[in-house]
């Protein structure tokens, strides 16, 4: 099991290690290390930079941003892609 990450420096080192073992073989010891590091990084980032629930205004703005491309496509008949 991976060590608990408690500093930004430890997190950076863990991310560097993930980069080194990114294409590891399934079932290898490196795969387990990868999974442990990924879980430790996720836990640290959730504590360090929590993402709370959006305010009603933020939620409405996000929805409007998501709908804007669809409205533009409907109005112009253009489809990206």
PDB file of N, CA and C in Angstrom:
ATOM      1  N   UNK A   1       0.850  -1.180   0.000  1.00  0.00           N
ATOM      2  CA  UNK A   1       0.000   0.000   0.000  1.00  0.00           C
ATOM      3  C   UNK A   1       0.891   1.237   0.000  1.00  0.00           C
ATOM      4  N   UNK A   2       0.469   2.259  -0.747  1.00  0.00           N
ATOM      5  CA  UNK A   2       1.246   3.487  -0.876  1.00  0.00           C
ATOM      6  C   UNK A   2       1.219   4.284   0.417  1.00  0.00           C
ATOM      7  N   UNK A   3       2.295   4.998   0.611  1.00  0.00           N
ATOM      8  CA  UNK A   3       2.407   5.897   1.753  1.00  0.00           C
ATOM      9  C   UNK A   3       1.431   7.050   1.571  1.00  0.00           C
ATOM     10  N   UNK A   4       0.897   7.539   2.659  1.00  0.00           N
ATOM     11  CA  UNK A   4       0.004   8.682   2.632  1.00  0.00           C
ATOM     12  C   UNK A   4       0.782   9.904   2.162  1.00  0.00           C
ATOM     13  N   UNK A   5       0.253  10.620   1.209  1.00  0.00           N
ATOM     14  CA  UNK A   5       0.894  11.837   0.705  1.00  0.00           C
ATOM     15  C   UNK A   5       0.428  13.001   1.568  1.00  0.00           C
ATOM     16  N   UNK A   6       1.402  13.780   2.084  1.00  0.00           N
ATOM     17  CA  UNK A   6       1.052  14.876   2.991  1.00  0.00           C
ATOM     18  C   UNK A   6       1.584  16.233   2.553  1.00  0.00           C
ATOM     19  N   UNK A   7       2.372  16.294   1.487  1.00  0.00           N
ATOM     20  CA  UNK A   7       2.914  17.579   1.027  1.00  0.00           C
ATOM     21  C   UNK A   7       2.827  17.658  -0.498  1.00  0.00           C
ATOM     22  N   UNK A   8       2.922  18.881  -1.000  1.00  0.00           N
ATOM     23  CA  UNK A   8       2.928  19.073  -2.448  1.00  0.00           C
ATOM     24  C   UNK A   8       4.143  18.398  -3.082  1.00  0.00           C
ATOM     25  N   UNK A   9       5.264  18.401  -2.369  1.00  0.00           N
ATOM     26  CA  UNK A   9       6.486  17.774  -2.884  1.00  0.00           C
ATOM     27  C   UNK A   9       6.311  16.265  -3.024  1.00  0.00           C
ATOM     28  N   UNK A  10       5.699  15.640  -2.019  1.00  0.00           N
ATOM     29  CA  UNK A  10       5.431  14.203  -2.101  1.00  0.00           C
ATOM     30  C   UNK A  10       4.466  13.898  -3.244  1.00  0.00           C
ATOM     31  N   UNK A  11       3.496  14.777  -3.441  1.00  0.00           N
ATOM     32  CA  UNK A  11       2.537  14.591  -4.525  1.00  0.00           C
ATOM     33  C   UNK A  11       3.252  14.697  -5.873  1.00  0.00           C
ATOM     34  N   UNK A  12       4.128  15.686  -6.015  1.00  0.00           N
ATOM     35  CA  UNK A  12       4.880  15.839  -7.266  1.00  0.00           C
ATOM     36  C   UNK A  12       5.744  14.615  -7.537  1.00  0.00           C
ATOM     37  N   UNK A  13       6.377  14.076  -6.496  1.00  0.00           N
ATOM     38  CA  UNK A  13       7.206  12.881  -6.659  1.00  0.00           C
ATOM     39  C   UNK A  13       6.345  11.688  -7.077  1.00  0.00           C
ATOM     40  N   UNK A  14       5.169  11.565  -6.503  1.00  0.00           N
ATOM     41  CA  UNK A  14       4.270  10.461  -6.854  1.00  0.00           C
ATOM     42  C   UNK A  14       3.806  10.592  -8.304  1.00  0.00           C
ATOM     43  N   UNK A  15       3.522  11.811  -8.729  1.00  0.00           N
ATOM     44  CA  UNK A  15       3.108  12.032 -10.118  1.00  0.00           C
ATOM     45  C   UNK A  15       4.256  11.692 -11.067  1.00  0.00           C
ATOM     46  N   UNK A  16       5.470  12.059 -10.696  1.00  0.00           N
ATOM     47  CA  UNK A  16       6.633  11.709 -11.517  1.00  0.00           C
ATOM     48  C   UNK A  16       6.781  10.198 -11.642  1.00  0.00           C
ATOM     49  N   UNK A  17       6.581   9.504 -10.535  1.00  0.00           N
ATOM     50  CA  UNK A  17       6.680   8.044 -10.572  1.00  0.00           C
ATOM     51  C   UNK A  17       5.581   7.452 -11.457  1.00  0.00           C
ATOM     52  N   UNK A  18       4.378   7.989 -11.362  1.00  0.00           N
ATOM     53  CA  UNK A  18       3.281   7.535 -12.222  1.00  0.00           C
ATOM     54  C   UNK A  18       3.687   7.688 -13.689  1.00  0.00           C
ATOM     55  N   UNK A  19       4.302   8.829 -14.026  1.00  0.00           N
ATOM     56  CA  UNK A  19       4.756   9.041 -15.403  1.00  0.00           C
ATOM     57  C   UNK A  19       5.742   7.953 -15.840  1.00  0.00           C
ATOM     58  N   UNK A  20       6.602   7.532 -14.930  1.00  0.00           N
ATOM     59  CA  UNK A  20       7.614   6.517 -15.247  1.00  0.00           C
ATOM     60  C   UNK A  20       6.999   5.146 -15.513  1.00  0.00           C
ATOM     61  N   UNK A  21       5.927   4.822 -14.807  1.00  0.00           N
ATOM     62  CA  UNK A  21       5.356   3.471 -14.907  1.00  0.00           C
ATOM     63  C   UNK A  21       4.003   3.464 -15.618  1.00  0.00           C
ATOM     64  N   UNK A  22       3.713   4.508 -16.377  1.00  0.00           N
ATOM     65  CA  UNK A  22       2.405   4.679 -17.026  1.00  0.00           C
ATOM     66  C   UNK A  22       2.001   3.468 -17.875  1.00  0.00           C
ATOM     67  N   UNK A  23       2.903   2.953 -18.676  1.00  0.00           N
ATOM     68  CA  UNK A  23       2.580   1.853 -19.594  1.00  0.00           C
ATOM     69  C   UNK A  23       2.944   0.481 -19.023  1.00  0.00           C
ATOM     70  N   UNK A  24       2.724   0.311 -17.771  1.00  0.00           N
ATOM     71  CA  UNK A  24       3.077  -0.943 -17.106  1.00  0.00           C
ATOM     72  C   UNK A  24       2.166  -2.094 -17.543  1.00  0.00           C
ATOM     73  N   UNK A  25       2.669  -3.292 -17.426  1.00  0.00           N
ATOM     74  CA  UNK A  25       1.901  -4.479 -17.808  1.00  0.00           C
ATOM     75  C   UNK A  25       0.843  -4.810 -16.757  1.00  0.00           C
ATOM     76  N   UNK A  26      -0.302  -5.255 -17.229  1.00  0.00           N
ATOM     77  CA  UNK A  26      -1.378  -5.677 -16.335  1.00  0.00           C
ATOM     78  C   UNK A  26      -0.893  -6.850 -15.501  1.00  0.00           C
ATOM     79  N   UNK A  27      -1.137  -6.777 -14.199  1.00  0.00           N
ATOM     80  CA  UNK A  27      -0.759  -7.857 -13.296  1.00  0.00           C
ATOM     81  C   UNK A  27       0.651  -7.759 -12.758  1.00  0.00           C
ATOM     82  N   UNK A  28       1.391  -6.753 -13.187  1.00  0.00           N
ATOM     83  CA  UNK A  28       2.772  -6.603 -12.725  1.00  0.00           C
ATOM     84  C   UNK A  28       2.805  -5.873 -11.380  1.00  0.00           C
ATOM     85  N   UNK A  29       3.920  -5.981 -10.659  1.00  0.00           N
ATOM     86  CA  UNK A  29       4.061  -5.228  -9.412  1.00  0.00           C
ATOM     87  C   UNK A  29       3.931  -3.720  -9.650  1.00  0.00           C
ATOM     88  N   UNK A  30       4.381  -3.262 -10.825  1.00  0.00           N
ATOM     89  CA  UNK A  30       4.274  -1.842 -11.139  1.00  0.00           C
ATOM     90  C   UNK A  30       2.819  -1.407 -11.298  1.00  0.00           C
ATOM     91  N   UNK A  31       1.973  -2.329 -11.773  1.00  0.00           N
ATOM     92  CA  UNK A  31       0.560  -1.983 -11.884  1.00  0.00           C
ATOM     93  C   UNK A  31      -0.022  -1.710 -10.499  1.00  0.00           C
ATOM     94  N   UNK A  32       0.322  -2.547  -9.535  1.00  0.00           N
ATOM     95  CA  UNK A  32      -0.164  -2.324  -8.167  1.00  0.00           C
ATOM     96  C   UNK A  32       0.381  -1.024  -7.605  1.00  0.00           C
ATOM     97  N   UNK A  33       1.661  -0.746  -7.883  1.00  0.00           N
ATOM     98  CA  UNK A  33       2.253   0.513  -7.438  1.00  0.00           C
ATOM     99  C   UNK A  33       1.518   1.686  -8.079  1.00  0.00           C
ATOM    100  N   UNK A  34       1.244   1.580  -9.378  1.00  0.00           N
ATOM    101  CA  UNK A  34       0.517   2.620 -10.102  1.00  0.00           C
ATOM    102  C   UNK A  34      -0.834   2.892  -9.446  1.00  0.00           C
ATOM    103  N   UNK A  35      -1.586   1.829  -9.181  1.00  0.00           N
ATOM    104  CA  UNK A  35      -2.909   1.977  -8.581  1.00  0.00           C
ATOM    105  C   UNK A  35      -2.842   2.581  -7.183  1.00  0.00           C
ATOM    106  N   UNK A  36      -1.860   2.159  -6.395  1.00  0.00           N
ATOM    107  CA  UNK A  36      -1.682   2.718  -5.055  1.00  0.00           C
ATOM    108  C   UNK A  36      -1.333   4.205  -5.121  1.00  0.00           C
ATOM    109  N   UNK A  37      -0.413   4.551  -6.025  1.00  0.00           N
ATOM    110  CA  UNK A  37      -0.021   5.953  -6.168  1.00  0.00           C
ATOM    111  C   UNK A  37      -1.199   6.801  -6.643  1.00  0.00           C
ATOM    112  N   UNK A  38      -1.942   6.288  -7.606  1.00  0.00           N
ATOM    113  CA  UNK A  38      -3.094   7.030  -8.117  1.00  0.00           C
ATOM    114  C   UNK A  38      -4.112   7.300  -7.003  1.00  0.00           C
ATOM    115  N   UNK A  39      -4.364   6.307  -6.177  1.00  0.00           N
ATOM    116  CA  UNK A  39      -5.308   6.474  -5.065  1.00  0.00           C
ATOM    117  C   UNK A  39      -4.773   7.478  -4.045  1.00  0.00           C
ATOM    118  N   UNK A  40      -3.475   7.412  -3.761  1.00  0.00           N
ATOM    119  CA  UNK A  40      -2.873   8.333  -2.793  1.00  0.00           C
ATOM    120  C   UNK A  40      -2.897   9.764  -3.322  1.00  0.00           C
ATOM    121  N   UNK A  41      -2.614   9.931  -4.608  1.00  0.00           N
ATOM    122  CA  UNK A  41      -2.650  11.264  -5.217  1.00  0.00           C
ATOM    123  C   UNK A  41      -4.069  11.821  -5.183  1.00  0.00           C
ATOM    124  N   UNK A  42      -5.032  10.996  -5.550  1.00  0.00           N
ATOM    125  CA  UNK A  42      -6.427  11.446  -5.532  1.00  0.00           C
ATOM    126  C   UNK A  42      -6.861  11.869  -4.132  1.00  0.00           C
ATOM    127  N   UNK A  43      -6.512  11.079  -3.129  1.00  0.00           N
ATOM    128  CA  UNK A  43      -6.881  11.411  -1.744  1.00  0.00           C
ATOM    129  C   UNK A  43      -6.238  12.726  -1.314  1.00  0.00           C
ATOM    130  N   UNK A  44      -4.959  12.903  -1.638  1.00  0.00           N
ATOM    131  CA  UNK A  44      -4.261  14.140  -1.273  1.00  0.00           C
ATOM    132  C   UNK A  44      -4.896  15.340  -1.969  1.00  0.00           C
ATOM    133  N   UNK A  45      -5.148  15.227  -3.272  1.00  0.00           N
ATOM    134  CA  UNK A  45      -5.717  16.352  -4.009  1.00  0.00           C
ATOM    135  C   UNK A  45      -7.118  16.699  -3.516  1.00  0.00           C
ATOM    136  N   UNK A  46      -7.893  15.695  -3.136  1.00  0.00           N
ATOM    137  CA  UNK A  46      -9.236  15.965  -2.602  1.00  0.00           C
ATOM    138  C   UNK A  46      -9.178  16.717  -1.279  1.00  0.00           C
ATOM    139  N   UNK A  47      -8.149  16.430  -0.473  1.00  0.00           N
ATOM    140  CA  UNK A  47      -7.990  17.155   0.788  1.00  0.00           C
ATOM    141  C   UNK A  47      -7.383  18.537   0.565  1.00  0.00           C
ATOM    142  N   UNK A  48      -6.415  18.608  -0.329  1.00  0.00           N
ATOM    143  CA  UNK A  48      -5.667  19.854  -0.562  1.00  0.00           C
ATOM    144  C   UNK A  48      -6.502  20.875  -1.322  1.00  0.00           C
ATOM    145  N   UNK A  49      -7.230  20.422  -2.329  1.00  0.00           N
ATOM    146  CA  UNK A  49      -8.028  21.308  -3.168  1.00  0.00           C
ATOM    147  C   UNK A  49      -9.449  20.764  -3.300  1.00  0.00           C
ATOM    148  N   UNK A  50     -10.223  20.817  -2.221  1.00  0.00           N
ATOM    149  CA  UNK A  50     -11.574  20.261  -2.284  1.00  0.00           C
ATOM    150  C   UNK A  50     -12.450  21.050  -3.266  1.00  0.00           C
ATOM    151  N   UNK A  51     -13.316  20.318  -3.932  1.00  0.00           N
ATOM    152  CA  UNK A  51     -14.277  20.941  -4.834  1.00  0.00           C
ATOM    153  C   UNK A  51     -15.639  20.785  -4.186  1.00  0.00           C
ATOM    154  N   UNK A  52     -16.170  21.884  -3.712  1.00  0.00           N
ATOM    155  CA  UNK A  52     -17.462  21.847  -3.041  1.00  0.00           C
ATOM    156  C   UNK A  52     -18.611  21.869  -4.033  1.00  0.00           C
ATOM    157  N   UNK A  53     -19.784  21.823  -3.501  1.00  0.00           N
ATOM    158  CA  UNK A  53     -20.980  21.914  -4.323  1.00  0.00           C
ATOM    159  C   UNK A  53     -21.071  23.330  -4.893  1.00  0.00           C
ATOM    160  N   UNK A  54     -21.534  23.448  -6.138  1.00  0.00           N
ATOM    161  CA  UNK A  54     -21.666  24.780  -6.717  1.00  0.00           C
ATOM    162  C   UNK A  54     -22.834  25.531  -6.089  1.00  0.00           C
ATOM    163  N   UNK A  55     -22.719  26.857  -6.120  1.00  0.00           N
ATOM    164  CA  UNK A  55     -23.855  27.679  -5.694  1.00  0.00           C
ATOM    165  C   UNK A  55     -24.916  27.582  -6.790  1.00  0.00           C
ATOM    166  N   UNK A  56     -26.144  27.946  -6.484  1.00  0.00           N
ATOM    167  CA  UNK A  56     -27.168  27.924  -7.540  1.00  0.00           C
ATOM    168  C   UNK A  56     -26.775  28.779  -8.751  1.00  0.00           C
ATOM    169  N   UNK A  57     -26.135  29.910  -8.516  1.00  0.00           N
ATOM    170  CA  UNK A  57     -25.702  30.763  -9.628  1.00  0.00           C
ATOM    171  C   UNK A  57     -24.639  30.077 -10.468  1.00  0.00           C
ATOM    172  N   UNK A  58     -23.653  29.447  -9.812  1.00  0.00           N
ATOM    173  CA  UNK A  58     -22.611  28.727 -10.539  1.00  0.00           C
ATOM    174  C   UNK A  58     -23.198  27.580 -11.350  1.00  0.00           C
ATOM    175  N   UNK A  59     -24.155  26.881 -10.773  1.00  0.00           N
ATOM    176  CA  UNK A  59     -24.788  25.765 -11.483  1.00  0.00           C
ATOM    177  C   UNK A  59     -25.545  26.260 -12.712  1.00  0.00           C
ATOM    178  N   UNK A  60     -26.252  27.376 -12.562  1.00  0.00           N
ATOM    179  CA  UNK A  60     -27.000  27.932 -13.688  1.00  0.00           C
ATOM    180  C   UNK A  60     -26.052  28.408 -14.788  1.00  0.00           C
ATOM    181  N   UNK A  61     -24.938  29.041 -14.400  1.00  0.00           N
ATOM    182  CA  UNK A  61     -23.953  29.505 -15.383  1.00  0.00           C
ATOM    183  C   UNK A  61     -23.335  28.326 -16.127  1.00  0.00           C
ATOM    184  N   UNK A  62     -23.017  27.257 -15.411  1.00  0.00           N
ATOM    185  CA  UNK A  62     -22.437  26.074 -16.034  1.00  0.00           C
ATOM    186  C   UNK A  62     -23.414  25.470 -17.039  1.00  0.00           C
ATOM    187  N   UNK A  63     -24.651  25.356 -16.633  1.00  0.00           N
ATOM    188  CA  UNK A  63     -25.659  24.776 -17.540  1.00  0.00           C
ATOM    189  C   UNK A  63     -25.813  25.629 -18.794  1.00  0.00           C
ATOM    190  N   UNK A  64     -25.817  26.950 -18.622  1.00  0.00           N
ATOM    191  CA  UNK A  64     -25.936  27.842 -19.777  1.00  0.00           C
ATOM    192  C   UNK A  64     -24.739  27.672 -20.707  1.00  0.00           C
ATOM    193  N   UNK A  65     -23.540  27.520 -20.143  1.00  0.00           N
ATOM    194  CA  UNK A  65     -22.337  27.306 -20.957  1.00  0.00           C
ATOM    195  C   UNK A  65     -22.431  25.985 -21.732  1.00  0.00           C
ATOM    196  N   UNK A  66     -22.966  24.953 -21.086  1.00  0.00           N
ATOM    197  CA  UNK A  66     -23.080  23.652 -21.725  1.00  0.00           C
ATOM    198  C   UNK A  66     -24.133  23.660 -22.835  1.00  0.00           C
ATOM    199  N   UNK A  67     -25.179  24.446 -22.656  1.00  0.00           N
ATOM    200  CA  UNK A  67     -26.252  24.490 -23.648  1.00  0.00           C
ATOM    201  C   UNK A  67     -25.935  25.423 -24.803  1.00  0.00           C
ATOM    202  N   UNK A  68     -25.035  26.374 -24.609  1.00  0.00           N
ATOM    203  CA  UNK A  68     -24.733  27.371 -25.641  1.00  0.00           C
ATOM    204  C   UNK A  68     -24.326  26.745 -26.973  1.00  0.00           C
ATOM    205  N   UNK A  69     -23.433  25.750 -27.015  1.00  0.00           N
ATOM    206  CA  UNK A  69     -23.080  25.161 -28.313  1.00  0.00           C
ATOM    207  C   UNK A  69     -24.284  24.523 -29.018  1.00  0.00           C
ATOM    208  N   UNK A  70     -25.141  23.887 -28.275  1.00  0.00           N
ATOM    209  CA  UNK A  70     -26.316  23.248 -28.876  1.00  0.00           C
ATOM    210  C   UNK A  70     -27.262  24.299 -29.438  1.00  0.00           C
ATOM    211  N   UNK A  71     -27.414  25.410 -28.742  1.00  0.00           N
ATOM    212  CA  UNK A  71     -28.274  26.489 -29.227  1.00  0.00           C
ATOM    213  C   UNK A  71     -27.680  27.077 -30.496  1.00  0.00           C
ATOM    214  N   UNK A  72     -26.364  27.305 -30.510  1.00  0.00           N
ATOM    215  CA  UNK A  72     -25.700  27.853 -31.691  1.00  0.00           C
ATOM    216  C   UNK A  72     -25.854  26.910 -32.884  1.00  0.00           C
ATOM    217  N   UNK A  73     -25.711  25.614 -32.657  1.00  0.00           N
ATOM    218  CA  UNK A  73     -25.864  24.632 -33.730  1.00  0.00           C
ATOM    219  C   UNK A  73     -27.295  24.650 -34.277  1.00  0.00           C
ATOM    220  N   UNK A  74     -28.259  24.746 -33.385  1.00  0.00           N
ATOM    221  CA  UNK A  74     -29.658  24.741 -33.804  1.00  0.00           C
ATOM    222  C   UNK A  74     -29.969  25.988 -34.619  1.00  0.00           C
ATOM    223  N   UNK A  75     -29.382  27.116 -34.210  1.00  0.00           N
ATOM    224  CA  UNK A  75     -29.661  28.367 -34.912  1.00  0.00           C
ATOM    225  C   UNK A  75     -28.976  28.437 -36.265  1.00  0.00           C
ATOM    226  N   UNK A  76     -27.754  27.883 -36.366  1.00  0.00           N
ATOM    227  CA  UNK A  76     -26.986  28.006 -37.600  1.00  0.00           C
ATOM    228  C   UNK A  76     -27.022  26.755 -38.462  1.00  0.00           C
ATOM    229  N   UNK A  77     -27.384  25.641 -37.862  1.00  0.00           N
ATOM    230  CA  UNK A  77     -27.365  24.382 -38.587  1.00  0.00           C
ATOM    231  C   UNK A  77     -25.961  23.799 -38.678  1.00  0.00           C
ATOM    232  N   UNK A  78     -24.977  24.459 -38.054  1.00  0.00           N
ATOM    233  CA  UNK A  78     -23.598  23.992 -38.088  1.00  0.00           C
ATOM    234  C   UNK A  78     -23.376  22.950 -37.010  1.00  0.00           C
ATOM    235  N   UNK A  79     -22.553  21.982 -37.332  1.00  0.00           N
ATOM    236  CA  UNK A  79     -22.182  20.940 -36.376  1.00  0.00           C
ATOM    237  C   UNK A  79     -20.672  20.830 -36.375  1.00  0.00           C
ATOM    238  N   UNK A  80     -20.046  20.992 -35.205  1.00  0.00           N
ATOM    239  CA  UNK A  80     -18.597  20.844 -35.111  1.00  0.00           C
ATOM    240  C   UNK A  80     -18.242  19.374 -35.174  1.00  0.00           C
ATOM    241  N   UNK A  81     -17.071  19.085 -35.755  1.00  0.00           N
ATOM    242  CA  UNK A  81     -16.573  17.718 -35.713  1.00  0.00           C
ATOM    243  C   UNK A  81     -16.323  17.207 -37.041  1.00  0.00           C
TER     244      UNK A  81
END
